[in-house]
Amino acid sequence: MKLSRPVSVFLLAFGVWSAVIWTTFVKNLFADVSGLAFDAAGDPTTYFWVHAALAATSFGLGVAIGVIGLRGLLAARRGDRE
């Protein structure tokens, strides 16, 4: 299957966006002072673990989508040279 250049650019941009958003989310999760992510003893709560798993999964899927977009762009570029 060959991806068009606009679709490849969109997938790559989505991957970059996802990496930025979820990295920021995890930084904010670790810096939480509201008491949701960590209890009074400083131990992670269920809220923390659920959101950490959500962030890890979303980050991983975003990177995978970005790689697909990058590979599509590289294939399109190789196709232009032939």
C-alpha atoms as a PDB file:
ATOM      1  CA  MET A   1       0.000   0.000   0.000  1.00  0.00           C
ATOM      2  CA  LYS A   2       1.319   3.405  -0.926  1.00  0.00           C
ATOM      3  CA  LEU A   3       0.460   6.446   1.172  1.00  0.00           C
ATOM      4  CA  SER A   4      -0.045   9.794  -0.463  1.00  0.00           C
ATOM      5  CA  ARG A   5       2.226  12.647   0.560  1.00  0.00           C
ATOM      6  CA  PRO A   6      -0.552  14.583   2.398  1.00  0.00           C
ATOM      7  CA  VAL A   7      -1.574  11.487   4.367  1.00  0.00           C
ATOM      8  CA  SER A   8       2.067  10.789   5.255  1.00  0.00           C
ATOM      9  CA  VAL A   9       2.576  14.370   6.421  1.00  0.00           C
ATOM     10  CA  PHE A  10      -0.588  14.180   8.518  1.00  0.00           C
ATOM     11  CA  LEU A  11       0.510  10.914  10.162  1.00  0.00           C
ATOM     12  CA  LEU A  12       3.977  12.285  10.887  1.00  0.00           C
ATOM     13  CA  ALA A  13       2.530  15.503  12.328  1.00  0.00           C
ATOM     14  CA  PHE A  14       0.136  13.468  14.471  1.00  0.00           C
ATOM     15  CA  GLY A  15       3.035  11.412  15.797  1.00  0.00           C
ATOM     16  CA  VAL A  16       5.029  14.512  16.724  1.00  0.00           C
ATOM     17  CA  TRP A  17       1.961  16.137  18.290  1.00  0.00           C
ATOM     18  CA  SER A  18       1.222  13.012  20.301  1.00  0.00           C
ATOM     19  CA  ALA A  19       4.796  12.804  21.589  1.00  0.00           C
ATOM     20  CA  VAL A  20       4.741  16.450  22.704  1.00  0.00           C
ATOM     21  CA  ILE A  21       1.320  16.271  24.341  1.00  0.00           C
ATOM     22  CA  TRP A  22       1.869  13.023  26.243  1.00  0.00           C
ATOM     23  CA  THR A  23       5.380  13.965  27.366  1.00  0.00           C
ATOM     24  CA  THR A  24       3.958  17.186  28.802  1.00  0.00           C
ATOM     25  CA  PHE A  25       1.111  15.250  30.422  1.00  0.00           C
ATOM     26  CA  VAL A  26       3.520  12.861  32.166  1.00  0.00           C
ATOM     27  CA  LYS A  27       5.654  15.764  33.429  1.00  0.00           C
ATOM     28  CA  ASN A  28       2.533  17.370  34.860  1.00  0.00           C
ATOM     29  CA  LEU A  29       1.405  14.060  36.343  1.00  0.00           C
ATOM     30  CA  PHE A  30       4.681  13.700  38.250  1.00  0.00           C
ATOM     31  CA  ALA A  31       4.477  17.329  39.407  1.00  0.00           C
ATOM     32  CA  ASP A  32       0.896  16.949  40.689  1.00  0.00           C
ATOM     33  CA  VAL A  33       0.360  18.616  44.057  1.00  0.00           C
ATOM     34  CA  SER A  34      -3.432  18.280  44.146  1.00  0.00           C
ATOM     35  CA  GLY A  35      -3.299  14.938  45.905  1.00  0.00           C
ATOM     36  CA  LEU A  36      -4.789  12.973  43.024  1.00  0.00           C
ATOM     37  CA  ALA A  37      -1.600  11.341  41.713  1.00  0.00           C
ATOM     38  CA  PHE A  38       0.153  10.837  45.041  1.00  0.00           C
ATOM     39  CA  ASP A  39      -1.236  10.223  48.506  1.00  0.00           C
ATOM     40  CA  ALA A  40      -0.111  11.969  51.690  1.00  0.00           C
ATOM     41  CA  ALA A  41       2.797   9.520  52.085  1.00  0.00           C
ATOM     42  CA  GLY A  42       3.999  10.322  48.551  1.00  0.00           C
ATOM     43  CA  ASP A  43       3.006   6.946  47.111  1.00  0.00           C
ATOM     44  CA  PRO A  44       1.385   6.762  43.657  1.00  0.00           C
ATOM     45  CA  THR A  45      -2.383   6.355  43.650  1.00  0.00           C
ATOM     46  CA  THR A  46      -4.598   4.398  41.288  1.00  0.00           C
ATOM     47  CA  TYR A  47      -5.234   7.685  39.480  1.00  0.00           C
ATOM     48  CA  PHE A  48      -1.503   7.936  38.808  1.00  0.00           C
ATOM     49  CA  TRP A  49      -1.169   4.376  37.495  1.00  0.00           C
ATOM     50  CA  VAL A  50      -4.215   4.598  35.233  1.00  0.00           C
ATOM     51  CA  HIS A  51      -3.061   7.879  33.728  1.00  0.00           C
ATOM     52  CA  ALA A  52       0.533   6.673  33.407  1.00  0.00           C
ATOM     53  CA  ALA A  53      -0.706   3.608  31.489  1.00  0.00           C
ATOM     54  CA  LEU A  54      -2.923   5.822  29.314  1.00  0.00           C
ATOM     55  CA  ALA A  55       0.003   8.133  28.564  1.00  0.00           C
ATOM     56  CA  ALA A  56       2.408   5.279  27.791  1.00  0.00           C
ATOM     57  CA  THR A  57      -0.069   3.595  25.450  1.00  0.00           C
ATOM     58  CA  SER A  58      -0.979   6.830  23.675  1.00  0.00           C
ATOM     59  CA  PHE A  59       2.668   7.852  23.372  1.00  0.00           C
ATOM     60  CA  GLY A  60       3.581   4.466  21.915  1.00  0.00           C
ATOM     61  CA  LEU A  61       0.730   4.505  19.417  1.00  0.00           C
ATOM     62  CA  GLY A  62       1.545   8.091  18.449  1.00  0.00           C
ATOM     63  CA  VAL A  63       5.177   7.199  17.796  1.00  0.00           C
ATOM     64  CA  ALA A  64       4.110   4.179  15.730  1.00  0.00           C
ATOM     65  CA  ILE A  65       1.770   6.361  13.657  1.00  0.00           C
ATOM     66  CA  GLY A  66       4.544   8.934  13.205  1.00  0.00           C
ATOM     67  CA  VAL A  67       6.934   6.226  11.990  1.00  0.00           C
ATOM     68  CA  ILE A  68       4.347   5.073   9.446  1.00  0.00           C
ATOM     69  CA  GLY A  69       4.043   8.666   8.222  1.00  0.00           C
ATOM     70  CA  LEU A  70       7.823   9.075   8.024  1.00  0.00           C
ATOM     71  CA  ARG A  71       8.187   5.832   6.085  1.00  0.00           C
ATOM     72  CA  GLY A  72       5.431   6.991   3.726  1.00  0.00           C
ATOM     73  CA  LEU A  73       7.236  10.277   3.099  1.00  0.00           C
ATOM     74  CA  LEU A  74      10.550   8.535   2.514  1.00  0.00           C
ATOM     75  CA  ALA A  75       8.915   6.091   0.095  1.00  0.00           C
ATOM     76  CA  ALA A  76       7.242   8.967  -1.756  1.00  0.00           C
ATOM     77  CA  ARG A  77      10.580  10.755  -2.023  1.00  0.00           C
ATOM     78  CA  ARG A  78      12.262   7.623  -3.403  1.00  0.00           C
ATOM     79  CA  GLY A  79       9.408   7.249  -5.872  1.00  0.00           C
ATOM     80  CA  ASP A  80       9.919  10.819  -7.126  1.00  0.00           C
ATOM     81  CA  ARG A  81      13.544  10.066  -7.996  1.00  0.00           C
ATOM     82  CA  GLU A  82      12.781   6.991 -10.060  1.00  0.00           C
END
